[in-house]
């Protein structure tokens, strides 16, 4: 990609995207970061060799502006971005990695017709293994979407969905790592209760989760068949799975994800209601 990219926010997610872009050969001269923390700005400059500046300077001349800030900072950031002229004759593409905020919020705050693409990332972006869902705004073209897909494939995998499915994406992959971490935490605690040291239980659980994930993504075999392959009739795994089913693991996961999606939807509705009344 030859576009100049401005990343607004030098936190972990912004840094992960920056590192992914540089790793795939994006010239540092085409990258700029806006970060208000002097300490953080110094770290990014030293680690990646990119220019770190304020928001107006970063946005000026940028073809793509990526928002990697906290939800509470979005209004102020959008206000600043809206006042910066587009680069030449080209439209500036805004890509938001901020969770929970609907597209209309960005489209209303930016100049009329500004293309926006909304992204729901997840924390494995920090290790180049993200699962991102993206949705196009009203003014984003297929070319804009393809650009964002290429951008995000530097840090993981991408699916394109209509915005109405972003709440489900949030519930499954956006928050999904937390469910896996909770399972790992429970496995570790159980291992310790059965006499393993915590460090050994942690190593066993972490590698088990890692290996199972790789097997699921790389084998081409369904999770049903993978589970069956581990489960001998009347064996130890079958006994464990029977207990998980008895205590309602499937139901708990389903209800947790539905609650997550409902919370995400409610947050979006509240934002839209605020837009309509302002």
C-alpha atoms as a PDB file:
ATOM      1  CA  UNK A   1       0.000   0.000   0.000  1.00  0.00           C
ATOM      2  CA  UNK A   2       1.260   3.461  -0.931  1.00  0.00           C
ATOM      3  CA  UNK A   3      -1.133   5.466   1.225  1.00  0.00           C
ATOM      4  CA  UNK A   4       0.064   7.589   4.101  1.00  0.00           C
ATOM      5  CA  UNK A   5      -1.472   6.249   7.302  1.00  0.00           C
ATOM      6  CA  UNK A   6      -2.035   8.182  10.520  1.00  0.00           C
ATOM      7  CA  UNK A   7      -2.698   6.124  13.637  1.00  0.00           C
ATOM      8  CA  UNK A   8      -4.453   8.166  16.322  1.00  0.00           C
ATOM      9  CA  UNK A   9      -3.541   6.628  19.654  1.00  0.00           C
ATOM     10  CA  UNK A  10      -0.267   4.983  20.586  1.00  0.00           C
ATOM     11  CA  UNK A  11      -1.678   2.439  23.042  1.00  0.00           C
ATOM     12  CA  UNK A  12      -1.381  -1.321  22.693  1.00  0.00           C
ATOM     13  CA  UNK A  13      -3.842  -1.689  19.806  1.00  0.00           C
ATOM     14  CA  UNK A  14      -2.396   1.238  17.883  1.00  0.00           C
ATOM     15  CA  UNK A  15       1.112  -0.080  18.454  1.00  0.00           C
ATOM     16  CA  UNK A  16       0.098  -3.588  17.348  1.00  0.00           C
ATOM     17  CA  UNK A  17      -1.209  -2.254  14.027  1.00  0.00           C
ATOM     18  CA  UNK A  18       1.904  -0.124  13.574  1.00  0.00           C
ATOM     19  CA  UNK A  19       4.166  -3.107  14.205  1.00  0.00           C
ATOM     20  CA  UNK A  20       2.179  -5.255  11.775  1.00  0.00           C
ATOM     21  CA  UNK A  21       2.414  -2.667   9.011  1.00  0.00           C
ATOM     22  CA  UNK A  22       6.158  -2.234   9.470  1.00  0.00           C
ATOM     23  CA  UNK A  23       6.694  -5.992   9.580  1.00  0.00           C
ATOM     24  CA  UNK A  24       5.066  -6.374   6.169  1.00  0.00           C
ATOM     25  CA  UNK A  25       7.282  -3.692   4.634  1.00  0.00           C
ATOM     26  CA  UNK A  26       5.283  -0.489   4.973  1.00  0.00           C
ATOM     27  CA  UNK A  27       7.886   2.338   4.852  1.00  0.00           C
ATOM     28  CA  UNK A  28       8.075   4.231   8.129  1.00  0.00           C
ATOM     29  CA  UNK A  29       7.997   7.514   6.173  1.00  0.00           C
ATOM     30  CA  UNK A  30       4.382   6.670   5.226  1.00  0.00           C
ATOM     31  CA  UNK A  31       3.374   6.136   8.855  1.00  0.00           C
ATOM     32  CA  UNK A  32       2.705   8.677  11.576  1.00  0.00           C
ATOM     33  CA  UNK A  33       1.292   8.297  15.082  1.00  0.00           C
ATOM     34  CA  UNK A  34      -0.568  10.841  17.178  1.00  0.00           C
ATOM     35  CA  UNK A  35       0.024  10.297  20.887  1.00  0.00           C
ATOM     36  CA  UNK A  36      -0.432  12.829  23.709  1.00  0.00           C
ATOM     37  CA  UNK A  37       1.712  11.005  26.290  1.00  0.00           C
ATOM     38  CA  UNK A  38       5.293  12.250  26.031  1.00  0.00           C
ATOM     39  CA  UNK A  39       6.655   9.033  27.515  1.00  0.00           C
ATOM     40  CA  UNK A  40       4.667   6.854  25.154  1.00  0.00           C
ATOM     41  CA  UNK A  41       5.593   9.015  22.157  1.00  0.00           C
ATOM     42  CA  UNK A  42       9.274   8.609  22.991  1.00  0.00           C
ATOM     43  CA  UNK A  43       8.907   4.820  23.271  1.00  0.00           C
ATOM     44  CA  UNK A  44       7.177   4.538  19.892  1.00  0.00           C
ATOM     45  CA  UNK A  45       9.750   6.718  18.160  1.00  0.00           C
ATOM     46  CA  UNK A  46      12.646   4.743  19.622  1.00  0.00           C
ATOM     47  CA  UNK A  47      11.098   1.318  18.965  1.00  0.00           C
ATOM     48  CA  UNK A  48       9.735   1.861  15.457  1.00  0.00           C
ATOM     49  CA  UNK A  49      11.470   4.902  13.995  1.00  0.00           C
ATOM     50  CA  UNK A  50       8.221   6.647  13.053  1.00  0.00           C
ATOM     51  CA  UNK A  51       7.264  10.249  13.606  1.00  0.00           C
ATOM     52  CA  UNK A  52       4.991  10.884  16.586  1.00  0.00           C
ATOM     53  CA  UNK A  53       3.124  14.161  16.711  1.00  0.00           C
ATOM     54  CA  UNK A  54      -0.236  15.745  17.566  1.00  0.00           C
ATOM     55  CA  UNK A  55      -3.522  14.900  15.872  1.00  0.00           C
ATOM     56  CA  UNK A  56      -3.816  17.814  13.391  1.00  0.00           C
ATOM     57  CA  UNK A  57      -0.265  17.311  12.155  1.00  0.00           C
ATOM     58  CA  UNK A  58      -0.702  13.536  11.883  1.00  0.00           C
ATOM     59  CA  UNK A  59      -3.983  13.801   9.968  1.00  0.00           C
ATOM     60  CA  UNK A  60      -2.819  16.486   7.557  1.00  0.00           C
ATOM     61  CA  UNK A  61      -1.803  14.770   4.328  1.00  0.00           C
ATOM     62  CA  UNK A  62      -2.943  11.317   5.495  1.00  0.00           C
ATOM     63  CA  UNK A  63      -5.009   9.145   3.168  1.00  0.00           C
ATOM     64  CA  UNK A  64      -6.103   6.819   5.971  1.00  0.00           C
ATOM     65  CA  UNK A  65      -6.749   7.805   9.576  1.00  0.00           C
ATOM     66  CA  UNK A  66      -7.058   4.955  12.077  1.00  0.00           C
ATOM     67  CA  UNK A  67      -8.724   5.708  15.403  1.00  0.00           C
ATOM     68  CA  UNK A  68      -7.260   3.589  18.193  1.00  0.00           C
ATOM     69  CA  UNK A  69      -8.427   5.622  21.183  1.00  0.00           C
ATOM     70  CA  UNK A  70     -10.756   5.114  24.125  1.00  0.00           C
ATOM     71  CA  UNK A  71     -14.514   5.620  23.488  1.00  0.00           C
ATOM     72  CA  UNK A  72     -14.539   8.639  25.778  1.00  0.00           C
ATOM     73  CA  UNK A  73     -11.941  10.391  23.621  1.00  0.00           C
ATOM     74  CA  UNK A  74     -13.732   9.891  20.298  1.00  0.00           C
ATOM     75  CA  UNK A  75     -15.782  13.109  20.274  1.00  0.00           C
ATOM     76  CA  UNK A  76     -12.754  15.321  20.842  1.00  0.00           C
ATOM     77  CA  UNK A  77     -10.681  13.429  18.270  1.00  0.00           C
ATOM     78  CA  UNK A  78     -13.414  13.599  15.620  1.00  0.00           C
ATOM     79  CA  UNK A  79     -13.793  17.327  16.188  1.00  0.00           C
ATOM     80  CA  UNK A  80     -10.104  17.840  15.489  1.00  0.00           C
ATOM     81  CA  UNK A  81     -10.056  15.540  12.452  1.00  0.00           C
ATOM     82  CA  UNK A  82     -13.097  17.232  10.919  1.00  0.00           C
ATOM     83  CA  UNK A  83     -11.228  20.545  10.835  1.00  0.00           C
ATOM     84  CA  UNK A  84      -8.265  19.173   8.875  1.00  0.00           C
ATOM     85  CA  UNK A  85      -8.477  19.438   5.090  1.00  0.00           C
ATOM     86  CA  UNK A  86      -8.455  16.265   2.987  1.00  0.00           C
ATOM     87  CA  UNK A  87      -5.215  15.395   1.240  1.00  0.00           C
ATOM     88  CA  UNK A  88      -5.254  16.854  -2.278  1.00  0.00           C
ATOM     89  CA  UNK A  89      -8.253  15.681  -4.303  1.00  0.00           C
ATOM     90  CA  UNK A  90      -8.534  12.369  -2.457  1.00  0.00           C
ATOM     91  CA  UNK A  91     -11.073  11.521   0.214  1.00  0.00           C
ATOM     92  CA  UNK A  92      -9.644  10.674   3.589  1.00  0.00           C
ATOM     93  CA  UNK A  93     -10.718   7.245   4.821  1.00  0.00           C
ATOM     94  CA  UNK A  94     -11.443   6.991   8.537  1.00  0.00           C
ATOM     95  CA  UNK A  95     -11.052   3.562  10.124  1.00  0.00           C
ATOM     96  CA  UNK A  96     -12.307   3.157  13.680  1.00  0.00           C
ATOM     97  CA  UNK A  97     -11.027   0.426  15.984  1.00  0.00           C
ATOM     98  CA  UNK A  98     -13.119   1.804  18.841  1.00  0.00           C
ATOM     99  CA  UNK A  99     -15.608  -0.718  20.177  1.00  0.00           C
ATOM    100  CA  UNK A 100     -19.322  -0.118  20.661  1.00  0.00           C
ATOM    101  CA  UNK A 101     -19.829   3.103  18.701  1.00  0.00           C
ATOM    102  CA  UNK A 102     -22.063   2.986  15.603  1.00  0.00           C
ATOM    103  CA  UNK A 103     -20.998   4.268  12.208  1.00  0.00           C
ATOM    104  CA  UNK A 104     -23.472   7.144  12.256  1.00  0.00           C
ATOM    105  CA  UNK A 105     -21.559   8.785  15.091  1.00  0.00           C
ATOM    106  CA  UNK A 106     -18.498   9.128  12.884  1.00  0.00           C
ATOM    107  CA  UNK A 107     -20.377  10.023   9.707  1.00  0.00           C
ATOM    108  CA  UNK A 108     -22.260  12.818  11.493  1.00  0.00           C
ATOM    109  CA  UNK A 109     -19.111  14.276  13.040  1.00  0.00           C
ATOM    110  CA  UNK A 110     -16.944  14.188   9.906  1.00  0.00           C
ATOM    111  CA  UNK A 111     -17.448  16.213   6.703  1.00  0.00           C
ATOM    112  CA  UNK A 112     -20.453  15.165   4.600  1.00  0.00           C
ATOM    113  CA  UNK A 113     -19.785  12.062   2.535  1.00  0.00           C
ATOM    114  CA  UNK A 114     -16.662  11.044   4.452  1.00  0.00           C
ATOM    115  CA  UNK A 115     -15.989   7.305   4.046  1.00  0.00           C
ATOM    116  CA  UNK A 116     -15.823   5.374   7.315  1.00  0.00           C
ATOM    117  CA  UNK A 117     -15.090   1.722   8.027  1.00  0.00           C
ATOM    118  CA  UNK A 118     -15.875   0.313  11.470  1.00  0.00           C
ATOM    119  CA  UNK A 119     -13.688  -2.448  12.909  1.00  0.00           C
ATOM    120  CA  UNK A 120     -14.221  -4.788  15.851  1.00  0.00           C
ATOM    121  CA  UNK A 121     -10.724  -6.077  16.667  1.00  0.00           C
ATOM    122  CA  UNK A 122      -9.632  -8.292  19.538  1.00  0.00           C
ATOM    123  CA  UNK A 123      -6.594  -8.382  21.775  1.00  0.00           C
ATOM    124  CA  UNK A 124      -4.705 -11.167  19.946  1.00  0.00           C
ATOM    125  CA  UNK A 125      -3.847  -8.333  17.553  1.00  0.00           C
ATOM    126  CA  UNK A 126      -1.006  -7.756  20.023  1.00  0.00           C
ATOM    127  CA  UNK A 127       0.630 -10.994  18.834  1.00  0.00           C
ATOM    128  CA  UNK A 128      -0.398 -10.779  15.177  1.00  0.00           C
ATOM    129  CA  UNK A 129      -3.326 -13.186  15.612  1.00  0.00           C
ATOM    130  CA  UNK A 130      -6.319 -10.847  15.586  1.00  0.00           C
ATOM    131  CA  UNK A 131      -9.791 -11.758  14.401  1.00  0.00           C
ATOM    132  CA  UNK A 132     -11.332  -8.547  13.100  1.00  0.00           C
ATOM    133  CA  UNK A 133     -14.859  -7.957  11.876  1.00  0.00           C
ATOM    134  CA  UNK A 134     -15.314  -4.925   9.630  1.00  0.00           C
ATOM    135  CA  UNK A 135     -18.346  -3.081   8.299  1.00  0.00           C
ATOM    136  CA  UNK A 136     -18.530  -0.367   5.650  1.00  0.00           C
ATOM    137  CA  UNK A 137     -20.234   2.962   6.200  1.00  0.00           C
ATOM    138  CA  UNK A 138     -22.667   4.547   3.733  1.00  0.00           C
ATOM    139  CA  UNK A 139     -19.925   6.290   1.777  1.00  0.00           C
ATOM    140  CA  UNK A 140     -17.256   3.580   1.903  1.00  0.00           C
ATOM    141  CA  UNK A 141     -16.678   1.866  -1.434  1.00  0.00           C
ATOM    142  CA  UNK A 142     -15.575  -1.681  -2.160  1.00  0.00           C
ATOM    143  CA  UNK A 143     -12.106  -0.247  -2.703  1.00  0.00           C
ATOM    144  CA  UNK A 144     -12.139   1.314   0.753  1.00  0.00           C
ATOM    145  CA  UNK A 145     -13.166  -2.022   2.276  1.00  0.00           C
ATOM    146  CA  UNK A 146     -10.424  -3.859   0.365  1.00  0.00           C
ATOM    147  CA  UNK A 147      -7.895  -1.328   1.649  1.00  0.00           C
ATOM    148  CA  UNK A 148      -8.937  -1.907   5.261  1.00  0.00           C
ATOM    149  CA  UNK A 149      -8.871  -5.685   4.803  1.00  0.00           C
ATOM    150  CA  UNK A 150      -5.286  -5.431   3.525  1.00  0.00           C
ATOM    151  CA  UNK A 151      -4.418  -3.126   6.416  1.00  0.00           C
ATOM    152  CA  UNK A 152      -5.775  -5.488   9.071  1.00  0.00           C
ATOM    153  CA  UNK A 153      -4.411  -8.663   7.532  1.00  0.00           C
ATOM    154  CA  UNK A 154      -1.014  -7.450   8.757  1.00  0.00           C
ATOM    155  CA  UNK A 155      -2.171  -8.363  12.281  1.00  0.00           C
ATOM    156  CA  UNK A 156      -4.475 -11.345  11.755  1.00  0.00           C
ATOM    157  CA  UNK A 157      -7.624 -12.398   9.937  1.00  0.00           C
ATOM    158  CA  UNK A 158     -10.600 -10.361   8.739  1.00  0.00           C
ATOM    159  CA  UNK A 159     -14.277 -10.929   7.957  1.00  0.00           C
ATOM    160  CA  UNK A 160     -16.547  -8.356   6.297  1.00  0.00           C
ATOM    161  CA  UNK A 161     -20.097  -8.079   7.663  1.00  0.00           C
ATOM    162  CA  UNK A 162     -22.997  -5.607   7.567  1.00  0.00           C
ATOM    163  CA  UNK A 163     -22.992  -3.276  10.553  1.00  0.00           C
ATOM    164  CA  UNK A 164     -26.094  -4.955  12.020  1.00  0.00           C
ATOM    165  CA  UNK A 165     -23.926  -8.010  12.737  1.00  0.00           C
ATOM    166  CA  UNK A 166     -21.252  -6.104  14.644  1.00  0.00           C
ATOM    167  CA  UNK A 167     -22.924  -6.807  18.000  1.00  0.00           C
ATOM    168  CA  UNK A 168     -22.652 -10.550  17.302  1.00  0.00           C
ATOM    169  CA  UNK A 169     -19.019 -10.100  16.219  1.00  0.00           C
ATOM    170  CA  UNK A 170     -18.378  -8.258  19.480  1.00  0.00           C
ATOM    171  CA  UNK A 171     -19.937 -11.098  21.488  1.00  0.00           C
ATOM    172  CA  UNK A 172     -18.025 -13.848  19.692  1.00  0.00           C
ATOM    173  CA  UNK A 173     -14.556 -12.697  18.658  1.00  0.00           C
ATOM    174  CA  UNK A 174     -14.323  -9.254  20.242  1.00  0.00           C
ATOM    175  CA  UNK A 175     -14.851 -10.548  23.779  1.00  0.00           C
ATOM    176  CA  UNK A 176     -14.015 -14.160  22.958  1.00  0.00           C
ATOM    177  CA  UNK A 177     -10.442 -14.059  24.265  1.00  0.00           C
ATOM    178  CA  UNK A 178     -11.801 -13.281  27.740  1.00  0.00           C
ATOM    179  CA  UNK A 179     -13.886 -16.464  27.666  1.00  0.00           C
ATOM    180  CA  UNK A 180     -10.823 -18.504  26.704  1.00  0.00           C
ATOM    181  CA  UNK A 181      -8.746 -16.851  29.428  1.00  0.00           C
ATOM    182  CA  UNK A 182     -11.442 -17.643  31.996  1.00  0.00           C
ATOM    183  CA  UNK A 183     -11.446 -21.294  30.887  1.00  0.00           C
ATOM    184  CA  UNK A 184      -7.649 -21.381  31.158  1.00  0.00           C
ATOM    185  CA  UNK A 185      -7.834 -19.787  34.606  1.00  0.00           C
ATOM    186  CA  UNK A 186     -10.332 -22.425  35.741  1.00  0.00           C
ATOM    187  CA  UNK A 187      -8.144 -25.236  34.333  1.00  0.00           C
ATOM    188  CA  UNK A 188      -5.111 -23.857  36.148  1.00  0.00           C
ATOM    189  CA  UNK A 189      -6.946 -23.577  39.466  1.00  0.00           C
ATOM    190  CA  UNK A 190      -8.254 -27.126  39.095  1.00  0.00           C
ATOM    191  CA  UNK A 191      -4.757 -28.384  38.291  1.00  0.00           C
ATOM    192  CA  UNK A 192      -3.388 -26.718  41.416  1.00  0.00           C
ATOM    193  CA  UNK A 193      -6.173 -28.273  43.509  1.00  0.00           C
ATOM    194  CA  UNK A 194      -5.042 -31.682  42.225  1.00  0.00           C
ATOM    195  CA  UNK A 195      -1.450 -31.151  43.318  1.00  0.00           C
ATOM    196  CA  UNK A 196       0.320 -29.437  40.384  1.00  0.00           C
ATOM    197  CA  UNK A 197       2.377 -26.325  41.026  1.00  0.00           C
ATOM    198  CA  UNK A 198       0.769 -23.138  39.692  1.00  0.00           C
ATOM    199  CA  UNK A 199       3.618 -22.534  37.281  1.00  0.00           C
ATOM    200  CA  UNK A 200       3.332 -26.049  35.863  1.00  0.00           C
ATOM    201  CA  UNK A 201      -0.477 -25.841  35.644  1.00  0.00           C
ATOM    202  CA  UNK A 202      -0.175 -22.507  33.862  1.00  0.00           C
ATOM    203  CA  UNK A 203       2.288 -23.894  31.325  1.00  0.00           C
ATOM    204  CA  UNK A 204       0.115 -26.954  30.715  1.00  0.00           C
ATOM    205  CA  UNK A 205      -3.071 -24.917  30.271  1.00  0.00           C
ATOM    206  CA  UNK A 206      -1.489 -22.222  28.086  1.00  0.00           C
ATOM    207  CA  UNK A 207       0.085 -24.699  25.678  1.00  0.00           C
ATOM    208  CA  UNK A 208      -3.093 -26.780  25.603  1.00  0.00           C
ATOM    209  CA  UNK A 209      -5.151 -23.729  24.604  1.00  0.00           C
ATOM    210  CA  UNK A 210      -2.518 -22.692  22.059  1.00  0.00           C
ATOM    211  CA  UNK A 211      -2.263 -26.170  20.530  1.00  0.00           C
ATOM    212  CA  UNK A 212      -6.028 -26.650  20.394  1.00  0.00           C
ATOM    213  CA  UNK A 213      -6.411 -23.268  18.673  1.00  0.00           C
ATOM    214  CA  UNK A 214      -3.811 -24.089  16.034  1.00  0.00           C
ATOM    215  CA  UNK A 215      -5.387 -27.506  15.463  1.00  0.00           C
ATOM    216  CA  UNK A 216      -8.816 -25.926  15.051  1.00  0.00           C
ATOM    217  CA  UNK A 217      -7.634 -23.267  12.587  1.00  0.00           C
ATOM    218  CA  UNK A 218      -5.141 -25.325  10.592  1.00  0.00           C
ATOM    219  CA  UNK A 219      -6.582 -28.842  10.421  1.00  0.00           C
ATOM    220  CA  UNK A 220      -9.724 -28.066   8.446  1.00  0.00           C
ATOM    221  CA  UNK A 221     -11.623 -30.373  10.805  1.00  0.00           C
ATOM    222  CA  UNK A 222     -14.784 -29.204  12.575  1.00  0.00           C
ATOM    223  CA  UNK A 223     -14.692 -28.662  16.355  1.00  0.00           C
ATOM    224  CA  UNK A 224     -17.283 -31.433  16.713  1.00  0.00           C
ATOM    225  CA  UNK A 225     -15.007 -33.951  14.986  1.00  0.00           C
ATOM    226  CA  UNK A 226     -11.910 -32.712  16.816  1.00  0.00           C
ATOM    227  CA  UNK A 227     -13.677 -33.162  20.142  1.00  0.00           C
ATOM    228  CA  UNK A 228     -14.848 -36.622  19.140  1.00  0.00           C
ATOM    229  CA  UNK A 229     -11.292 -37.613  18.203  1.00  0.00           C
ATOM    230  CA  UNK A 230     -10.152 -36.903  21.779  1.00  0.00           C
ATOM    231  CA  UNK A 231     -13.116 -38.636  23.376  1.00  0.00           C
ATOM    232  CA  UNK A 232     -12.836 -42.404  23.768  1.00  0.00           C
ATOM    233  CA  UNK A 233     -16.065 -44.222  24.694  1.00  0.00           C
ATOM    234  CA  UNK A 234     -16.446 -44.384  28.481  1.00  0.00           C
ATOM    235  CA  UNK A 235     -13.013 -42.785  28.841  1.00  0.00           C
ATOM    236  CA  UNK A 236     -11.673 -39.972  30.994  1.00  0.00           C
ATOM    237  CA  UNK A 237     -12.447 -37.200  28.488  1.00  0.00           C
ATOM    238  CA  UNK A 238     -15.999 -38.485  28.071  1.00  0.00           C
ATOM    239  CA  UNK A 239     -16.444 -38.361  31.839  1.00  0.00           C
ATOM    240  CA  UNK A 240     -15.182 -34.763  31.988  1.00  0.00           C
ATOM    241  CA  UNK A 241     -17.394 -33.646  29.080  1.00  0.00           C
ATOM    242  CA  UNK A 242     -20.396 -35.271  30.753  1.00  0.00           C
ATOM    243  CA  UNK A 243     -19.818 -33.071  33.795  1.00  0.00           C
ATOM    244  CA  UNK A 244     -19.419 -29.929  31.672  1.00  0.00           C
ATOM    245  CA  UNK A 245     -22.697 -30.695  29.938  1.00  0.00           C
ATOM    246  CA  UNK A 246     -24.382 -31.482  33.285  1.00  0.00           C
ATOM    247  CA  UNK A 247     -23.385 -28.073  34.604  1.00  0.00           C
ATOM    248  CA  UNK A 248     -24.630 -26.370  31.437  1.00  0.00           C
ATOM    249  CA  UNK A 249     -21.474 -25.184  29.718  1.00  0.00           C
ATOM    250  CA  UNK A 250     -23.144 -24.756  26.309  1.00  0.00           C
ATOM    251  CA  UNK A 251     -26.063 -22.873  27.834  1.00  0.00           C
ATOM    252  CA  UNK A 252     -23.752 -20.648  29.872  1.00  0.00           C
ATOM    253  CA  UNK A 253     -21.678 -19.730  26.808  1.00  0.00           C
ATOM    254  CA  UNK A 254     -24.792 -19.031  24.749  1.00  0.00           C
ATOM    255  CA  UNK A 255     -26.353 -16.854  27.439  1.00  0.00           C
ATOM    256  CA  UNK A 256     -23.083 -15.004  28.038  1.00  0.00           C
ATOM    257  CA  UNK A 257     -22.742 -14.169  24.354  1.00  0.00           C
ATOM    258  CA  UNK A 258     -26.375 -13.082  24.089  1.00  0.00           C
ATOM    259  CA  UNK A 259     -25.920 -10.797  27.105  1.00  0.00           C
ATOM    260  CA  UNK A 260     -22.755  -9.389  25.538  1.00  0.00           C
ATOM    261  CA  UNK A 261     -24.499  -8.679  22.217  1.00  0.00           C
ATOM    262  CA  UNK A 262     -27.480  -7.117  24.000  1.00  0.00           C
ATOM    263  CA  UNK A 263     -25.173  -4.830  25.964  1.00  0.00           C
ATOM    264  CA  UNK A 264     -23.358  -3.847  22.774  1.00  0.00           C
ATOM    265  CA  UNK A 265     -26.669  -3.169  21.008  1.00  0.00           C
ATOM    266  CA  UNK A 266     -27.947  -1.079  23.930  1.00  0.00           C
ATOM    267  CA  UNK A 267     -24.765   0.980  23.944  1.00  0.00           C
ATOM    268  CA  UNK A 268     -25.146   1.653  20.230  1.00  0.00           C
ATOM    269  CA  UNK A 269     -28.820   2.608  20.635  1.00  0.00           C
ATOM    270  CA  UNK A 270     -27.939   5.061  23.405  1.00  0.00           C
ATOM    271  CA  UNK A 271     -25.333   6.704  21.178  1.00  0.00           C
ATOM    272  CA  UNK A 272     -27.820   6.969  18.303  1.00  0.00           C
ATOM    273  CA  UNK A 273     -30.504   8.409  20.595  1.00  0.00           C
ATOM    274  CA  UNK A 274     -28.051  11.030  21.783  1.00  0.00           C
ATOM    275  CA  UNK A 275     -27.250  11.932  18.174  1.00  0.00           C
ATOM    276  CA  UNK A 276     -30.937  12.306  17.325  1.00  0.00           C
ATOM    277  CA  UNK A 277     -31.603  14.634  20.262  1.00  0.00           C
ATOM    278  CA  UNK A 278     -28.520  16.801  19.823  1.00  0.00           C
END
